[in-house]
Amino acid sequence: MSLEESIKLAVESLGANLYDIVSTKEHDRNIFRVLVTAENGISLDKCAEISRMISPILDVDEPMGGEYILEVSSPGIERKLRKKDHFLGSVGEKVKIKNFAMEIFKGELISADNEKIVVKTEFGDDEITYDSILAAATYFEW
């Protein structure tokens, strides 16, 4: 079983869903970020509970060479969309998509399936295949 699968099982055992795992470096510190969601939202207490549950897993299968800071949090209202499941779960939300041709599509994600997404922009509906997406995220108009 992979590290991601182990973390997913632990998160699900606590009534949450694994959204993503991100390894990054910030201010010369390795960050191992576990992003989780739940039907009624994620509280700070739930994040702490998940952190306590997955810490022993990370002690056995150390990510990032063993030198990291573990962060467990919600992906937030403005979040990156990297997997098909992220797009499928974001239908109806506002998204910003950049393709490999550096075109930007900004509007409402009106549909998503296993091959493509459809974004309703001010110019009409744009169909975008997953393999043409360079970067994608939801956004919130404040």
C-alpha atoms as a PDB file:
ATOM      1  CA  MET A   1       0.000   0.000   0.000  1.00  0.00           C
ATOM      2  CA  SER A   2       1.339   3.424  -0.958  1.00  0.00           C
ATOM      3  CA  LEU A   3       1.759   6.288   1.500  1.00  0.00           C
ATOM      4  CA  GLU A   4      -1.139   8.158  -0.134  1.00  0.00           C
ATOM      5  CA  GLU A   5      -3.408   5.110   0.180  1.00  0.00           C
ATOM      6  CA  SER A   6      -2.502   4.720   3.869  1.00  0.00           C
ATOM      7  CA  ILE A   7      -3.219   8.388   4.543  1.00  0.00           C
ATOM      8  CA  LYS A   8      -6.506   8.164   2.615  1.00  0.00           C
ATOM      9  CA  LEU A   9      -7.666   5.206   4.712  1.00  0.00           C
ATOM     10  CA  ALA A  10      -6.758   6.986   7.956  1.00  0.00           C
ATOM     11  CA  VAL A  11      -8.538  10.197   6.897  1.00  0.00           C
ATOM     12  CA  GLU A  12     -11.656   8.296   5.816  1.00  0.00           C
ATOM     13  CA  SER A  13     -11.723   6.375   9.103  1.00  0.00           C
ATOM     14  CA  LEU A  14     -12.259   9.741  10.806  1.00  0.00           C
ATOM     15  CA  GLY A  15     -15.186  10.729   8.580  1.00  0.00           C
ATOM     16  CA  ALA A  16     -13.296  13.002   6.190  1.00  0.00           C
ATOM     17  CA  ASN A  17     -12.052  12.771   2.611  1.00  0.00           C
ATOM     18  CA  LEU A  18      -8.523  13.170   1.302  1.00  0.00           C
ATOM     19  CA  TYR A  19      -8.547  16.040  -1.215  1.00  0.00           C
ATOM     20  CA  ASP A  20      -4.832  16.201  -2.012  1.00  0.00           C
ATOM     21  CA  ILE A  21      -1.309  15.805  -0.685  1.00  0.00           C
ATOM     22  CA  VAL A  22       1.204  18.520  -1.521  1.00  0.00           C
ATOM     23  CA  SER A  23       4.920  18.473  -0.781  1.00  0.00           C
ATOM     24  CA  THR A  24       6.473  21.921  -0.991  1.00  0.00           C
ATOM     25  CA  LYS A  25       9.285  24.062   0.326  1.00  0.00           C
ATOM     26  CA  GLU A  26       8.542  27.395   2.014  1.00  0.00           C
ATOM     27  CA  HIS A  27      11.165  29.598   3.668  1.00  0.00           C
ATOM     28  CA  ASP A  28      13.744  26.770   3.484  1.00  0.00           C
ATOM     29  CA  ARG A  29      11.372  24.404   5.320  1.00  0.00           C
ATOM     30  CA  ASN A  30       9.856  21.250   3.856  1.00  0.00           C
ATOM     31  CA  ILE A  31       6.075  21.209   4.192  1.00  0.00           C
ATOM     32  CA  PHE A  32       4.042  18.017   3.830  1.00  0.00           C
ATOM     33  CA  ARG A  33       0.496  19.333   3.409  1.00  0.00           C
ATOM     34  CA  VAL A  34      -2.511  17.014   3.694  1.00  0.00           C
ATOM     35  CA  LEU A  35      -5.691  18.677   2.436  1.00  0.00           C
ATOM     36  CA  VAL A  36      -8.976  17.205   3.623  1.00  0.00           C
ATOM     37  CA  THR A  37     -12.681  17.855   3.121  1.00  0.00           C
ATOM     38  CA  ALA A  38     -15.902  16.720   4.762  1.00  0.00           C
ATOM     39  CA  GLU A  39     -19.560  17.108   3.938  1.00  0.00           C
ATOM     40  CA  ASN A  40     -20.126  19.658   6.719  1.00  0.00           C
ATOM     41  CA  GLY A  41     -16.712  21.312   6.467  1.00  0.00           C
ATOM     42  CA  ILE A  42     -13.472  20.719   8.350  1.00  0.00           C
ATOM     43  CA  SER A  43     -12.900  22.129  11.824  1.00  0.00           C
ATOM     44  CA  LEU A  44      -9.579  22.830  13.498  1.00  0.00           C
ATOM     45  CA  ASP A  45     -10.312  19.985  15.950  1.00  0.00           C
ATOM     46  CA  LYS A  46     -10.861  17.568  13.045  1.00  0.00           C
ATOM     47  CA  CYS A  47      -7.560  18.673  11.451  1.00  0.00           C
ATOM     48  CA  ALA A  48      -5.756  18.030  14.748  1.00  0.00           C
ATOM     49  CA  GLU A  49      -7.411  14.611  15.065  1.00  0.00           C
ATOM     50  CA  ILE A  50      -6.358  13.686  11.512  1.00  0.00           C
ATOM     51  CA  SER A  51      -2.833  14.938  12.186  1.00  0.00           C
ATOM     52  CA  ARG A  52      -2.574  12.691  15.274  1.00  0.00           C
ATOM     53  CA  MET A  53      -3.903   9.733  13.250  1.00  0.00           C
ATOM     54  CA  ILE A  54      -1.495  10.063  10.308  1.00  0.00           C
ATOM     55  CA  SER A  55       1.645  11.053  12.249  1.00  0.00           C
ATOM     56  CA  PRO A  56       2.515   7.402  13.108  1.00  0.00           C
ATOM     57  CA  ILE A  57       2.103   6.471   9.427  1.00  0.00           C
ATOM     58  CA  LEU A  58       4.582   9.188   8.481  1.00  0.00           C
ATOM     59  CA  ASP A  59       6.993   7.990  11.183  1.00  0.00           C
ATOM     60  CA  VAL A  60       7.173   4.623   9.384  1.00  0.00           C
ATOM     61  CA  ASP A  61       7.074   5.858   5.777  1.00  0.00           C
ATOM     62  CA  GLU A  62       8.817   9.234   6.067  1.00  0.00           C
ATOM     63  CA  PRO A  63       8.125  11.691   3.270  1.00  0.00           C
ATOM     64  CA  MET A  64      10.630  14.301   2.092  1.00  0.00           C
ATOM     65  CA  GLY A  65      13.651  12.544   3.592  1.00  0.00           C
ATOM     66  CA  GLY A  66      12.174  12.764   7.097  1.00  0.00           C
ATOM     67  CA  GLU A  67      12.708  16.512   7.465  1.00  0.00           C
ATOM     68  CA  TYR A  68       9.305  18.165   7.138  1.00  0.00           C
ATOM     69  CA  ILE A  69       6.494  19.978   8.894  1.00  0.00           C
ATOM     70  CA  LEU A  70       3.098  18.277   8.709  1.00  0.00           C
ATOM     71  CA  GLU A  71       0.134  20.541   7.944  1.00  0.00           C
ATOM     72  CA  VAL A  72      -3.433  19.225   7.841  1.00  0.00           C
ATOM     73  CA  SER A  73      -6.044  21.657   6.570  1.00  0.00           C
ATOM     74  CA  SER A  74      -9.005  22.297   4.331  1.00  0.00           C
ATOM     75  CA  PRO A  75      -8.115  23.086   0.710  1.00  0.00           C
ATOM     76  CA  GLY A  76      -9.981  26.378   1.180  1.00  0.00           C
ATOM     77  CA  ILE A  77     -12.574  28.219  -0.843  1.00  0.00           C
ATOM     78  CA  GLU A  78      -9.987  29.037  -3.524  1.00  0.00           C
ATOM     79  CA  ARG A  79      -8.219  25.784  -4.252  1.00  0.00           C
ATOM     80  CA  LYS A  80      -6.159  24.174  -6.983  1.00  0.00           C
ATOM     81  CA  LEU A  81      -7.839  21.639  -9.210  1.00  0.00           C
ATOM     82  CA  ARG A  82      -5.358  18.914 -10.127  1.00  0.00           C
ATOM     83  CA  LYS A  83      -7.352  15.685 -10.408  1.00  0.00           C
ATOM     84  CA  LYS A  84     -10.483  14.769 -12.354  1.00  0.00           C
ATOM     85  CA  ASP A  85     -12.276  14.268  -9.017  1.00  0.00           C
ATOM     86  CA  HIS A  86     -11.463  17.885  -8.118  1.00  0.00           C
ATOM     87  CA  PHE A  87     -13.201  19.090 -11.288  1.00  0.00           C
ATOM     88  CA  LEU A  88     -16.153  16.719 -10.830  1.00  0.00           C
ATOM     89  CA  GLY A  89     -16.642  18.040  -7.293  1.00  0.00           C
ATOM     90  CA  SER A  90     -16.401  21.687  -8.364  1.00  0.00           C
ATOM     91  CA  VAL A  91     -19.206  21.804 -10.946  1.00  0.00           C
ATOM     92  CA  GLY A  92     -21.205  24.981 -10.358  1.00  0.00           C
ATOM     93  CA  GLU A  93     -18.235  26.907  -8.943  1.00  0.00           C
ATOM     94  CA  LYS A  94     -16.211  29.704 -10.524  1.00  0.00           C
ATOM     95  CA  VAL A  95     -12.936  28.500 -12.033  1.00  0.00           C
ATOM     96  CA  LYS A  96      -9.889  29.910 -13.743  1.00  0.00           C
ATOM     97  CA  ILE A  97      -8.185  27.591 -16.242  1.00  0.00           C
ATOM     98  CA  LYS A  98      -4.907  28.126 -18.089  1.00  0.00           C
ATOM     99  CA  ASN A  99      -4.066  25.831 -20.995  1.00  0.00           C
ATOM    100  CA  PHE A 100      -0.690  25.028 -22.543  1.00  0.00           C
ATOM    101  CA  ALA A 101      -1.281  27.701 -25.217  1.00  0.00           C
ATOM    102  CA  MET A 102      -1.418  30.186 -22.282  1.00  0.00           C
ATOM    103  CA  GLU A 103      -5.075  30.986 -22.936  1.00  0.00           C
ATOM    104  CA  ILE A 104      -7.077  31.749 -19.800  1.00  0.00           C
ATOM    105  CA  PHE A 105     -10.682  30.669 -19.335  1.00  0.00           C
ATOM    106  CA  LYS A 106     -12.527  32.256 -16.434  1.00  0.00           C
ATOM    107  CA  GLY A 107     -16.113  31.477 -15.547  1.00  0.00           C
ATOM    108  CA  GLU A 108     -18.466  28.862 -14.156  1.00  0.00           C
ATOM    109  CA  LEU A 109     -17.580  25.181 -14.409  1.00  0.00           C
ATOM    110  CA  ILE A 110     -20.839  23.868 -15.846  1.00  0.00           C
ATOM    111  CA  SER A 111     -19.838  20.248 -16.442  1.00  0.00           C
ATOM    112  CA  ALA A 112     -17.034  17.749 -16.030  1.00  0.00           C
ATOM    113  CA  ASP A 113     -16.636  14.140 -17.108  1.00  0.00           C
ATOM    114  CA  ASN A 114     -13.726  11.738 -17.549  1.00  0.00           C
ATOM    115  CA  GLU A 115     -12.355  13.433 -20.690  1.00  0.00           C
ATOM    116  CA  LYS A 116     -13.164  17.146 -20.517  1.00  0.00           C
ATOM    117  CA  ILE A 117     -14.694  20.083 -18.712  1.00  0.00           C
ATOM    118  CA  VAL A 118     -16.994  22.843 -19.933  1.00  0.00           C
ATOM    119  CA  VAL A 119     -16.544  26.392 -18.643  1.00  0.00           C
ATOM    120  CA  LYS A 120     -19.176  29.056 -19.241  1.00  0.00           C
ATOM    121  CA  THR A 121     -17.257  32.287 -19.880  1.00  0.00           C
ATOM    122  CA  GLU A 122     -18.467  35.718 -20.935  1.00  0.00           C
ATOM    123  CA  PHE A 123     -17.837  34.603 -24.552  1.00  0.00           C
ATOM    124  CA  GLY A 124     -19.819  31.351 -24.380  1.00  0.00           C
ATOM    125  CA  ASP A 125     -19.188  27.757 -23.387  1.00  0.00           C
ATOM    126  CA  ASP A 126     -15.622  26.476 -23.783  1.00  0.00           C
ATOM    127  CA  GLU A 127     -14.854  22.764 -23.839  1.00  0.00           C
ATOM    128  CA  ILE A 128     -11.402  21.964 -22.455  1.00  0.00           C
ATOM    129  CA  THR A 129      -9.776  18.524 -22.356  1.00  0.00           C
ATOM    130  CA  TYR A 130      -7.851  17.565 -19.218  1.00  0.00           C
ATOM    131  CA  ASP A 131      -4.643  16.948 -21.173  1.00  0.00           C
ATOM    132  CA  SER A 132      -4.628  20.582 -22.358  1.00  0.00           C
ATOM    133  CA  ILE A 133      -4.884  22.089 -18.841  1.00  0.00           C
ATOM    134  CA  LEU A 134      -1.700  23.616 -17.466  1.00  0.00           C
ATOM    135  CA  ALA A 135      -3.200  25.049 -14.255  1.00  0.00           C
ATOM    136  CA  ALA A 136      -6.665  25.305 -12.746  1.00  0.00           C
ATOM    137  CA  ALA A 137      -8.217  26.665  -9.574  1.00  0.00           C
ATOM    138  CA  THR A 138     -11.510  27.747  -8.124  1.00  0.00           C
ATOM    139  CA  TYR A 139     -11.920  31.398  -7.226  1.00  0.00           C
ATOM    140  CA  PHE A 140     -14.280  33.441  -5.148  1.00  0.00           C
ATOM    141  CA  GLU A 141     -15.479  36.928  -6.002  1.00  0.00           C
ATOM    142  CA  TRP A 142     -15.238  38.931  -2.786  1.00  0.00           C
END
